[in-house]
Each structure stands twice: as structure tokens, then as C-alpha cells.
C-alpha atoms as a PDB file:
ATOM      1  CA  UNK A   1     -48.838  28.425 -66.603  1.00  0.00           C
ATOM      2  CA  UNK A   2     -48.866  32.028 -65.512  1.00  0.00           C
ATOM      3  CA  UNK A   3     -45.469  33.734 -65.590  1.00  0.00           C
ATOM      4  CA  UNK A   4     -46.085  36.844 -63.548  1.00  0.00           C
ATOM      5  CA  UNK A   5     -43.022  38.877 -62.749  1.00  0.00           C
ATOM      6  CA  UNK A   6     -41.819  39.032 -59.165  1.00  0.00           C
ATOM      7  CA  UNK A   7     -41.463  42.708 -58.319  1.00  0.00           C
ATOM      8  CA  UNK A   8     -39.116  44.284 -55.786  1.00  0.00           C
ATOM      9  CA  UNK A   9     -40.899  45.611 -52.713  1.00  0.00           C
ATOM     10  CA  UNK A  10     -39.406  49.095 -52.979  1.00  0.00           C
ATOM     11  CA  UNK A  11     -39.234  49.922 -56.680  1.00  0.00           C
ATOM     12  CA  UNK A  12     -38.278  53.513 -55.927  1.00  0.00           C
ATOM     13  CA  UNK A  13     -34.935  52.468 -54.419  1.00  0.00           C
ATOM     14  CA  UNK A  14     -33.918  49.768 -56.908  1.00  0.00           C
ATOM     15  CA  UNK A  15     -30.787  50.819 -58.753  1.00  0.00           C
ATOM     16  CA  UNK A  16     -30.751  50.078 -62.459  1.00  0.00           C
ATOM     17  CA  UNK A  17     -27.803  49.963 -64.803  1.00  0.00           C
ATOM     18  CA  UNK A  18     -24.193  49.007 -64.316  1.00  0.00           C
ATOM     19  CA  UNK A  19     -22.314  50.525 -61.380  1.00  0.00           C
ATOM     20  CA  UNK A  20     -19.302  51.259 -63.556  1.00  0.00           C
ATOM     21  CA  UNK A  21     -18.339  51.336 -67.217  1.00  0.00           C
ATOM     22  CA  UNK A  22     -15.164  49.245 -67.400  1.00  0.00           C
ATOM     23  CA  UNK A  23     -12.263  50.705 -69.318  1.00  0.00           C
ATOM     24  CA  UNK A  24      -9.822  47.827 -69.012  1.00  0.00           C
ATOM     25  CA  UNK A  25     -10.130  44.813 -71.299  1.00  0.00           C
ATOM     26  CA  UNK A  26     -10.307  42.297 -68.485  1.00  0.00           C
ATOM     27  CA  UNK A  27     -13.078  44.185 -66.704  1.00  0.00           C
ATOM     28  CA  UNK A  28     -15.034  44.596 -69.956  1.00  0.00           C
ATOM     29  CA  UNK A  29     -14.722  40.876 -70.600  1.00  0.00           C
ATOM     30  CA  UNK A  30     -16.029  40.151 -67.120  1.00  0.00           C
ATOM     31  CA  UNK A  31     -19.028  42.410 -67.631  1.00  0.00           C
ATOM     32  CA  UNK A  32     -19.778  40.781 -70.983  1.00  0.00           C
ATOM     33  CA  UNK A  33     -19.489  37.342 -69.394  1.00  0.00           C
ATOM     34  CA  UNK A  34     -22.041  38.327 -66.748  1.00  0.00           C
ATOM     35  CA  UNK A  35     -24.487  39.548 -69.374  1.00  0.00           C
ATOM     36  CA  UNK A  36     -23.983  36.522 -71.615  1.00  0.00           C
ATOM     37  CA  UNK A  37     -24.468  34.165 -68.687  1.00  0.00           C
ATOM     38  CA  UNK A  38     -27.597  35.994 -67.538  1.00  0.00           C
ATOM     39  CA  UNK A  39     -29.019  35.864 -71.055  1.00  0.00           C
ATOM     40  CA  UNK A  40     -28.438  32.114 -71.266  1.00  0.00           C
ATOM     41  CA  UNK A  41     -30.014  31.607 -67.845  1.00  0.00           C
ATOM     42  CA  UNK A  42     -33.054  33.653 -68.837  1.00  0.00           C
ATOM     43  CA  UNK A  43     -33.677  31.187 -71.629  1.00  0.00           C
ATOM     44  CA  UNK A  44     -33.476  28.331 -69.129  1.00  0.00           C
ATOM     45  CA  UNK A  45     -35.256  29.589 -66.007  1.00  0.00           C
ATOM     46  CA  UNK A  46     -37.064  32.831 -66.956  1.00  0.00           C
ATOM     47  CA  UNK A  47     -36.754  36.209 -65.259  1.00  0.00           C
ATOM     48  CA  UNK A  48     -38.743  35.268 -62.145  1.00  0.00           C
ATOM     49  CA  UNK A  49     -36.265  32.578 -61.132  1.00  0.00           C
ATOM     50  CA  UNK A  50     -33.168  34.439 -62.286  1.00  0.00           C
ATOM     51  CA  UNK A  51     -31.016  35.519 -59.325  1.00  0.00           C
ATOM     52  CA  UNK A  52     -27.611  37.110 -58.948  1.00  0.00           C
ATOM     53  CA  UNK A  53     -26.481  34.024 -57.037  1.00  0.00           C
ATOM     54  CA  UNK A  54     -27.468  31.836 -59.970  1.00  0.00           C
ATOM     55  CA  UNK A  55     -25.537  34.109 -62.347  1.00  0.00           C
ATOM     56  CA  UNK A  56     -22.487  33.969 -60.061  1.00  0.00           C
ATOM     57  CA  UNK A  57     -22.639  30.190 -59.827  1.00  0.00           C
ATOM     58  CA  UNK A  58     -22.853  29.751 -63.587  1.00  0.00           C
ATOM     59  CA  UNK A  59     -20.228  32.419 -64.343  1.00  0.00           C
ATOM     60  CA  UNK A  60     -17.827  31.125 -61.701  1.00  0.00           C
ATOM     61  CA  UNK A  61     -17.551  34.355 -59.757  1.00  0.00           C
ATOM     62  CA  UNK A  62     -18.339  35.579 -56.263  1.00  0.00           C
ATOM     63  CA  UNK A  63     -21.307  37.854 -55.457  1.00  0.00           C
ATOM     64  CA  UNK A  64     -18.997  40.744 -54.415  1.00  0.00           C
ATOM     65  CA  UNK A  65     -17.271  40.483 -57.807  1.00  0.00           C
ATOM     66  CA  UNK A  66     -20.601  40.653 -59.634  1.00  0.00           C
ATOM     67  CA  UNK A  67     -21.837  43.549 -57.476  1.00  0.00           C
ATOM     68  CA  UNK A  68     -18.899  45.608 -58.679  1.00  0.00           C
ATOM     69  CA  UNK A  69     -20.784  45.753 -61.979  1.00  0.00           C
ATOM     70  CA  UNK A  70     -24.459  45.163 -61.199  1.00  0.00           C
ATOM     71  CA  UNK A  71     -26.148  45.818 -57.841  1.00  0.00           C
ATOM     72  CA  UNK A  72     -29.083  43.458 -58.469  1.00  0.00           C
ATOM     73  CA  UNK A  73     -30.753  41.308 -61.094  1.00  0.00           C
ATOM     74  CA  UNK A  74     -32.884  44.199 -62.305  1.00  0.00           C
ATOM     75  CA  UNK A  75     -29.745  46.104 -63.234  1.00  0.00           C
ATOM     76  CA  UNK A  76     -28.649  43.100 -65.305  1.00  0.00           C
ATOM     77  CA  UNK A  77     -32.061  42.846 -66.934  1.00  0.00           C
ATOM     78  CA  UNK A  78     -32.002  46.580 -67.621  1.00  0.00           C
ATOM     79  CA  UNK A  79     -28.704  46.344 -69.501  1.00  0.00           C
ATOM     80  CA  UNK A  80     -29.851  43.297 -71.455  1.00  0.00           C
ATOM     81  CA  UNK A  81     -33.071  45.114 -72.355  1.00  0.00           C
ATOM     82  CA  UNK A  82     -31.230  48.223 -73.543  1.00  0.00           C
ATOM     83  CA  UNK A  83     -28.954  46.133 -75.721  1.00  0.00           C
ATOM     84  CA  UNK A  84     -31.837  44.260 -77.303  1.00  0.00           C
ATOM     85  CA  UNK A  85     -33.738  47.464 -77.992  1.00  0.00           C
ATOM     86  CA  UNK A  86     -30.607  49.113 -79.406  1.00  0.00           C
ATOM     87  CA  UNK A  87     -30.034  46.156 -81.744  1.00  0.00           C
ATOM     88  CA  UNK A  88     -33.637  46.221 -82.962  1.00  0.00           C
ATOM     89  CA  UNK A  89     -33.590  50.012 -83.322  1.00  0.00           C
ATOM     90  CA  UNK A  90     -30.360  50.011 -85.313  1.00  0.00           C
ATOM     91  CA  UNK A  91     -31.861  47.491 -87.741  1.00  0.00           C
ATOM     92  CA  UNK A  92     -34.736  49.921 -88.332  1.00  0.00           C
ATOM     93  CA  UNK A  93     -32.415  52.913 -88.742  1.00  0.00           C
ATOM     94  CA  UNK A  94     -30.258  51.015 -91.257  1.00  0.00           C
ATOM     95  CA  UNK A  95     -33.400  49.959 -93.126  1.00  0.00           C
ATOM     96  CA  UNK A  96     -34.515  53.591 -93.338  1.00  0.00           C
ATOM     97  CA  UNK A  97     -31.078  54.694 -94.549  1.00  0.00           C
ATOM     98  CA  UNK A  98     -31.226  52.057 -97.279  1.00  0.00           C
ATOM     99  CA  UNK A  99     -34.546  53.303 -98.637  1.00  0.00           C
ATOM    100  CA  UNK A 100     -36.948  51.150 -96.652  1.00  0.00           C
ATOM    101  CA  UNK A 101     -39.557  53.903 -96.515  1.00  0.00           C
ATOM    102  CA  UNK A 102     -39.556  54.517-100.275  1.00  0.00           C
ATOM    103  CA  UNK A 103     -41.873  52.286-102.292  1.00  0.00           C
ATOM    104  CA  UNK A 104     -43.549  52.732-105.675  1.00  0.00           C
ATOM    105  CA  UNK A 105     -46.445  50.409-104.803  1.00  0.00           C
ATOM    106  CA  UNK A 106     -48.207  48.831-101.858  1.00  0.00           C
ATOM    107  CA  UNK A 107     -46.734  45.463-102.760  1.00  0.00           C
ATOM    108  CA  UNK A 108     -43.216  46.907-102.684  1.00  0.00           C
ATOM    109  CA  UNK A 109     -43.882  48.572 -99.343  1.00  0.00           C
ATOM    110  CA  UNK A 110     -45.142  45.293 -97.895  1.00  0.00           C
ATOM    111  CA  UNK A 111     -42.115  43.393 -99.147  1.00  0.00           C
ATOM    112  CA  UNK A 112     -39.678  45.939 -97.729  1.00  0.00           C
ATOM    113  CA  UNK A 113     -41.443  45.904 -94.384  1.00  0.00           C
ATOM    114  CA  UNK A 114     -41.545  42.108 -94.406  1.00  0.00           C
ATOM    115  CA  UNK A 115     -37.767  41.909 -94.781  1.00  0.00           C
ATOM    116  CA  UNK A 116     -37.310  44.272 -91.844  1.00  0.00           C
ATOM    117  CA  UNK A 117     -39.796  42.333 -89.713  1.00  0.00           C
ATOM    118  CA  UNK A 118     -37.966  39.086 -90.381  1.00  0.00           C
ATOM    119  CA  UNK A 119     -34.623  40.711 -89.586  1.00  0.00           C
ATOM    120  CA  UNK A 120     -35.876  42.028 -86.239  1.00  0.00           C
ATOM    121  CA  UNK A 121     -37.253  38.588 -85.412  1.00  0.00           C
ATOM    122  CA  UNK A 122     -33.888  36.996 -86.160  1.00  0.00           C
ATOM    123  CA  UNK A 123     -31.983  39.593 -84.140  1.00  0.00           C
ATOM    124  CA  UNK A 124     -34.177  38.825 -81.143  1.00  0.00           C
ATOM    125  CA  UNK A 125     -33.692  35.071 -81.568  1.00  0.00           C
ATOM    126  CA  UNK A 126     -29.923  35.393 -81.771  1.00  0.00           C
ATOM    127  CA  UNK A 127     -29.577  37.385 -78.549  1.00  0.00           C
ATOM    128  CA  UNK A 128     -29.363  35.003 -75.568  1.00  0.00           C
ATOM    129  CA  UNK A 129     -32.631  35.110 -73.672  1.00  0.00           C
ATOM    130  CA  UNK A 130     -34.134  37.470 -76.276  1.00  0.00           C
ATOM    131  CA  UNK A 131     -37.764  36.436 -75.867  1.00  0.00           C
ATOM    132  CA  UNK A 132     -37.432  36.505 -72.070  1.00  0.00           C
ATOM    133  CA  UNK A 133     -35.988  39.998 -72.267  1.00  0.00           C
ATOM    134  CA  UNK A 134     -39.041  41.043 -74.274  1.00  0.00           C
ATOM    135  CA  UNK A 135     -41.296  39.430 -71.669  1.00  0.00           C
ATOM    136  CA  UNK A 136     -39.492  41.301 -68.910  1.00  0.00           C
ATOM    137  CA  UNK A 137     -39.904  44.580 -70.780  1.00  0.00           C
ATOM    138  CA  UNK A 138     -43.633  43.984 -70.859  1.00  0.00           C
ATOM    139  CA  UNK A 139     -44.090  42.582 -67.345  1.00  0.00           C
ATOM    140  CA  UNK A 140     -41.589  44.371 -65.098  1.00  0.00           C
ATOM    141  CA  UNK A 141     -42.610  47.986 -64.387  1.00  0.00           C
ATOM    142  CA  UNK A 142     -39.006  48.958 -63.705  1.00  0.00           C
ATOM    143  CA  UNK A 143     -38.082  48.145 -67.298  1.00  0.00           C
ATOM    144  CA  UNK A 144     -41.046  49.569 -69.196  1.00  0.00           C
ATOM    145  CA  UNK A 145     -39.447  52.977 -69.734  1.00  0.00           C
ATOM    146  CA  UNK A 146     -36.713  51.279 -71.771  1.00  0.00           C
ATOM    147  CA  UNK A 147     -39.292  49.881 -74.191  1.00  0.00           C
ATOM    148  CA  UNK A 148     -41.198  53.168 -74.354  1.00  0.00           C
ATOM    149  CA  UNK A 149     -38.028  55.152 -75.049  1.00  0.00           C
ATOM    150  CA  UNK A 150     -37.103  52.751 -77.839  1.00  0.00           C
ATOM    151  CA  UNK A 151     -40.570  52.932 -79.386  1.00  0.00           C
ATOM    152  CA  UNK A 152     -40.638  56.720 -79.332  1.00  0.00           C
ATOM    153  CA  UNK A 153     -37.117  57.026 -80.715  1.00  0.00           C
ATOM    154  CA  UNK A 154     -37.961  54.766 -83.648  1.00  0.00           C
ATOM    155  CA  UNK A 155     -41.348  56.429 -84.218  1.00  0.00           C
ATOM    156  CA  UNK A 156     -39.793  59.898 -84.203  1.00  0.00           C
ATOM    157  CA  UNK A 157     -37.072  58.824 -86.627  1.00  0.00           C
ATOM    158  CA  UNK A 158     -39.597  57.303 -89.027  1.00  0.00           C
ATOM    159  CA  UNK A 159     -42.144  60.124 -88.816  1.00  0.00           C
ATOM    160  CA  UNK A 160     -39.522  62.805 -89.442  1.00  0.00           C
ATOM    161  CA  UNK A 161     -38.453  61.045 -92.625  1.00  0.00           C
ATOM    162  CA  UNK A 162     -41.994  60.533 -93.819  1.00  0.00           C
ATOM    163  CA  UNK A 163     -42.728  64.258 -93.948  1.00  0.00           C
ATOM    164  CA  UNK A 164     -41.371  64.434 -97.520  1.00  0.00           C
ATOM    165  CA  UNK A 165     -43.327  61.359 -98.606  1.00  0.00           C
ATOM    166  CA  UNK A 166     -46.567  62.621 -97.033  1.00  0.00           C
ATOM    167  CA  UNK A 167     -46.304  66.437 -97.154  1.00  0.00           C
ATOM    168  CA  UNK A 168     -50.053  66.903 -96.604  1.00  0.00           C
ATOM    169  CA  UNK A 169     -50.168  64.859 -93.400  1.00  0.00           C
ATOM    170  CA  UNK A 170     -49.583  66.813 -90.169  1.00  0.00           C
ATOM    171  CA  UNK A 171     -46.425  65.871 -88.314  1.00  0.00           C
ATOM    172  CA  UNK A 172     -48.439  64.950 -85.223  1.00  0.00           C
ATOM    173  CA  UNK A 173     -50.451  62.467 -87.287  1.00  0.00           C
ATOM    174  CA  UNK A 174     -47.310  60.938 -88.772  1.00  0.00           C
ATOM    175  CA  UNK A 175     -45.798  60.521 -85.325  1.00  0.00           C
ATOM    176  CA  UNK A 176     -48.956  58.887 -84.000  1.00  0.00           C
ATOM    177  CA  UNK A 177     -49.053  56.554 -87.006  1.00  0.00           C
ATOM    178  CA  UNK A 178     -45.385  55.683 -86.546  1.00  0.00           C
ATOM    179  CA  UNK A 179     -45.933  54.912 -82.862  1.00  0.00           C
ATOM    180  CA  UNK A 180     -48.907  52.723 -83.675  1.00  0.00           C
ATOM    181  CA  UNK A 181     -47.211  50.775 -86.458  1.00  0.00           C
ATOM    182  CA  UNK A 182     -44.051  50.350 -84.375  1.00  0.00           C
ATOM    183  CA  UNK A 183     -46.136  48.833 -81.580  1.00  0.00           C
ATOM    184  CA  UNK A 184     -47.963  46.524 -83.998  1.00  0.00           C
ATOM    185  CA  UNK A 185     -44.698  45.281 -85.491  1.00  0.00           C
ATOM    186  CA  UNK A 186     -43.226  44.751 -82.026  1.00  0.00           C
ATOM    187  CA  UNK A 187     -46.297  42.762 -80.971  1.00  0.00           C
ATOM    188  CA  UNK A 188     -45.966  40.573 -84.071  1.00  0.00           C
ATOM    189  CA  UNK A 189     -42.359  39.786 -83.145  1.00  0.00           C
ATOM    190  CA  UNK A 190     -43.478  38.828 -79.635  1.00  0.00           C
ATOM    191  CA  UNK A 191     -46.246  36.673 -81.088  1.00  0.00           C
ATOM    192  CA  UNK A 192     -44.053  34.542 -83.346  1.00  0.00           C
ATOM    193  CA  UNK A 193     -41.309  34.139 -80.746  1.00  0.00           C
ATOM    194  CA  UNK A 194     -43.765  33.242 -77.981  1.00  0.00           C
ATOM    195  CA  UNK A 195     -45.479  30.643 -80.178  1.00  0.00           C
ATOM    196  CA  UNK A 196     -42.968  29.017 -82.555  1.00  0.00           C
ATOM    197  CA  UNK A 197     -45.647  26.732 -84.007  1.00  0.00           C
ATOM    198  CA  UNK A 198     -47.374  29.696 -85.651  1.00  0.00           C
ATOM    199  CA  UNK A 199     -46.862  30.468 -89.340  1.00  0.00           C
ATOM    200  CA  UNK A 200     -44.230  33.195 -88.986  1.00  0.00           C
ATOM    201  CA  UNK A 201     -44.107  34.045 -92.688  1.00  0.00           C
ATOM    202  CA  UNK A 202     -47.871  34.586 -92.789  1.00  0.00           C
ATOM    203  CA  UNK A 203     -47.873  36.717 -89.625  1.00  0.00           C
ATOM    204  CA  UNK A 204     -45.040  38.851 -90.974  1.00  0.00           C
ATOM    205  CA  UNK A 205     -46.882  39.364 -94.240  1.00  0.00           C
ATOM    206  CA  UNK A 206     -50.163  40.171 -92.507  1.00  0.00           C
ATOM    207  CA  UNK A 207     -48.677  42.746 -90.152  1.00  0.00           C
ATOM    208  CA  UNK A 208     -46.772  44.394 -92.986  1.00  0.00           C
ATOM    209  CA  UNK A 209     -49.976  44.727 -94.996  1.00  0.00           C
ATOM    210  CA  UNK A 210     -51.560  46.369 -91.950  1.00  0.00           C
ATOM    211  CA  UNK A 211     -48.710  48.863 -91.759  1.00  0.00           C
ATOM    212  CA  UNK A 212     -48.691  49.645 -95.483  1.00  0.00           C
ATOM    213  CA  UNK A 213     -52.473  50.059 -95.641  1.00  0.00           C
ATOM    214  CA  UNK A 214     -52.485  52.290 -92.566  1.00  0.00           C
ATOM    215  CA  UNK A 215     -50.130  54.784 -94.202  1.00  0.00           C
ATOM    216  CA  UNK A 216     -52.025  54.618 -97.494  1.00  0.00           C
ATOM    217  CA  UNK A 217     -55.303  55.420 -95.744  1.00  0.00           C
ATOM    218  CA  UNK A 218     -53.624  58.252 -93.858  1.00  0.00           C
ATOM    219  CA  UNK A 219     -52.268  59.733 -97.089  1.00  0.00           C
ATOM    220  CA  UNK A 220     -55.631  59.346 -98.835  1.00  0.00           C
ATOM    221  CA  UNK A 221     -57.483  61.000 -95.943  1.00  0.00           C
ATOM    222  CA  UNK A 222     -55.386  64.147 -96.112  1.00  0.00           C
ATOM    223  CA  UNK A 223     -55.236  64.199 -99.894  1.00  0.00           C
ATOM    224  CA  UNK A 224     -59.033  64.403 -99.941  1.00  0.00           C
ATOM    225  CA  UNK A 225     -59.089  67.187 -97.358  1.00  0.00           C
ATOM    226  CA  UNK A 226     -56.855  69.524 -99.379  1.00  0.00           C
END
């Protein structure tokens, strides 16, 4: 069945993001309850059928109370999307800090990348509505900038740290390679979460070999052109 996203008629006037950033504990708890409820509902009904009224009903609050925090469902989706991307991004940054980019062999590089891929998959599973948030990021134009910003932030972080490993490769090439491999890894996460019957371990291994071989070919290309 097709799951096309219902789009607001006037995308230019749709407000995204929370109206306020609560400072009091009670208000923060309310905001977190809204997001948790919306995430659970996404897993049940999908983003097309998600409504603020449905969130209010499940969370036991009135629409005016919810609108103090989020003006519409797209604002809720936007916050959920940012949080998912931040969680995935932080896993990558921690992996880099712990030496994920350093490998003495292709096999080691593949294994390190495989562990990261599995971790990102698990992070997405553990977040309520995680796969539906990823679907919304792909299907809802209002949310696509969140995904693009995340991709570019991760790609920039990786490419900047690869300059020492690949000193002969131009920075623009490293950034392009990092963008490409980030997209491929993201697509693999979508693939295994969309279709649980697939062999996740095999897909993770395959995509990590693609990534490792791509960087090896890039390094070899510029080593030969010296």
C-alpha cells in the first residue's frame, strides 16, 4: 500500500519547532510526554494519520495545552526528527573519537564500520516511531532540510578528520566521498528497518565493504596521480 505523505496546503506558512523551550520541570515533562506519545502513535498509525487531536487524546491533554508547545503536527515531527538525527550523529561522532576511522586493513575498516552501522540501526529502533520518523524525513518536504543538515554535518566532520589519513586526496573529494558514504549507510538503515525479514547482518557487512572499498579506491586514484 502506498504511504504518501499528506502535505499542508501552504508550506510557506507552516511553523516548525516548539513554540517555547520550557525551563520548569513540569513543563519539560509535559513536552517530553507529548513527544513520547507522538512517537508511539507514529509506530501505530503512521505520519499521515497522526493528528494533534490524536496526540492530545492519548496524552490526556487539551489542544490548547498542546499548542503551548507545538503549533501543529509538523512541529512535533520536526522535533522528533531532529532528536533522531542528533542521536544518530552523536553515535558517529563518538565512533570517530574512539578511532573508528583508523584501520590497518580493509577487514578492520569493514568491522569498525559494521559495528557503527549496527549501533545506528539499534538507536533508530529504540526511539519510539523511529522508522516512521525516517519515512517522514524522506517524504515530507518540510522536514527534508533536517536530514540534509545532519548528512552534511556528519560528512564534514568525517572528511575533515580524513585529511591526515588521505593527505593526497583533495578536501573537496573527501567531502563528496563522505556525503556519498553517509547516504549509503543511511539508506541501508532504512532498508533493514523497513523490511525486518531481510538479513540485517549481511546488509550491514555489504554496505560497510562498499564504504571501505570506496575510500581505498579514492586513495589509490590520487596515489597514482602524484
